[in-house]
Amino acid sequence: MPKASAKKSAKPVEELSYEEALTELEGLVASLEDEQNPLEDSMRLFERGQALVAHCSALLESAQLKVQKLSGESLIPFEEESE
């Protein structure tokens, strides 16, 4: 199923929302991990995955800049509490 969704995805990466891109990326990773793909298909999936990762990263950076602008402060990195 993940492989089919990757093939039918005609939407350009730049037009995907963060959630759409992340869902597609998860499907591509599953396909690459679980299926025996010909090298050409694996390379196509990998290239699409790299584009999706870059797009998600850009969307997250944009969101961070908007939050900083709205809050008027620098964001403080989240630190998990140690037990």
Protein backbone atom coordinates (compact mmCIF):
# COMPACT_ATOMS: atom_id res chain seq x y z
CA MET A 1 0.00 0.00 0.00
CA PRO A 2 2.71 2.62 0.77
CA LYS A 3 4.32 1.93 -2.60
CA ALA A 4 1.05 2.53 -4.45
CA SER A 5 0.41 5.79 -2.62
CA ALA A 6 3.89 7.00 -3.56
CA LYS A 7 3.28 6.20 -7.23
CA LYS A 8 -0.12 7.88 -7.43
CA SER A 9 1.08 11.03 -5.69
CA ALA A 10 1.12 13.51 -8.53
CA LYS A 11 1.02 16.52 -6.25
CA PRO A 12 4.29 18.46 -6.26
CA VAL A 13 6.15 18.35 -2.94
CA GLU A 14 5.95 22.14 -2.61
CA GLU A 15 2.14 21.99 -2.58
CA LEU A 16 1.88 19.45 0.24
CA SER A 17 0.98 20.46 3.77
CA TYR A 18 3.32 19.36 6.54
CA GLU A 19 0.95 16.56 7.53
CA GLU A 20 0.58 15.32 3.93
CA ALA A 21 4.34 15.37 3.38
CA LEU A 22 5.03 13.57 6.66
CA THR A 23 2.44 10.88 5.93
CA GLU A 24 3.87 10.30 2.46
CA LEU A 25 7.40 10.21 3.87
CA GLU A 26 6.37 7.57 6.41
CA GLY A 27 4.90 5.49 3.57
CA LEU A 28 8.07 5.81 1.51
CA VAL A 29 10.24 4.72 4.42
CA ALA A 30 8.00 1.70 5.04
CA SER A 31 8.17 0.78 1.37
CA LEU A 32 11.94 1.04 1.31
CA GLU A 33 12.26 -1.03 4.49
CA ASP A 34 9.66 -3.72 3.82
CA GLU A 35 9.64 -4.31 0.09
CA GLN A 36 12.09 -5.64 -2.45
CA ASN A 37 12.13 -2.78 -4.94
CA PRO A 38 14.16 -2.65 -8.12
CA LEU A 39 17.10 -0.28 -7.77
CA GLU A 40 15.51 2.32 -10.05
CA ASP A 41 12.31 2.36 -7.95
CA SER A 42 14.29 2.55 -4.72
CA MET A 43 16.26 5.51 -6.04
CA ARG A 44 13.05 7.26 -7.13
CA LEU A 45 11.51 6.69 -3.69
CA PHE A 46 14.68 7.89 -1.97
CA GLU A 47 14.80 11.07 -4.09
CA ARG A 48 11.14 11.81 -3.34
CA GLY A 49 11.84 11.17 0.34
CA GLN A 50 14.75 13.61 0.35
CA ALA A 51 12.52 16.27 -1.21
CA LEU A 52 9.83 15.58 1.40
CA VAL A 53 12.34 15.88 4.26
CA ALA A 54 13.60 19.21 2.91
CA HIS A 55 10.01 20.47 2.51
CA CYS A 56 9.03 19.43 6.06
CA SER A 57 12.16 21.06 7.45
CA ALA A 58 11.40 24.32 5.62
CA LEU A 59 7.80 24.30 6.88
CA LEU A 60 8.96 23.75 10.47
CA GLU A 61 11.53 26.52 10.19
CA SER A 62 8.88 28.86 8.82
CA ALA A 63 6.55 28.00 11.69
CA GLN A 64 9.33 28.64 14.20
CA LEU A 65 10.03 32.06 12.69
CA LYS A 66 6.33 32.96 12.86
CA VAL A 67 6.17 31.96 16.53
CA GLN A 68 9.27 34.02 17.28
CA LYS A 69 7.79 37.01 15.48
CA LEU A 70 4.47 36.69 17.29
CA SER A 71 6.06 36.18 20.70
CA GLY A 72 8.68 38.88 20.22
CA GLU A 73 11.22 36.67 21.92
CA SER A 74 13.78 34.08 21.05
CA LEU A 75 12.61 30.53 21.43
CA ILE A 76 14.19 28.60 24.26
CA PRO A 77 15.08 25.00 23.32
CA PHE A 78 12.91 22.40 25.02
CA GLU A 79 14.87 20.27 27.45
CA GLU A 80 13.48 17.00 28.72
CA GLU A 81 13.55 16.44 32.44
CA SER A 82 15.98 13.77 33.58
CA GLU A 83 14.68 11.17 35.93
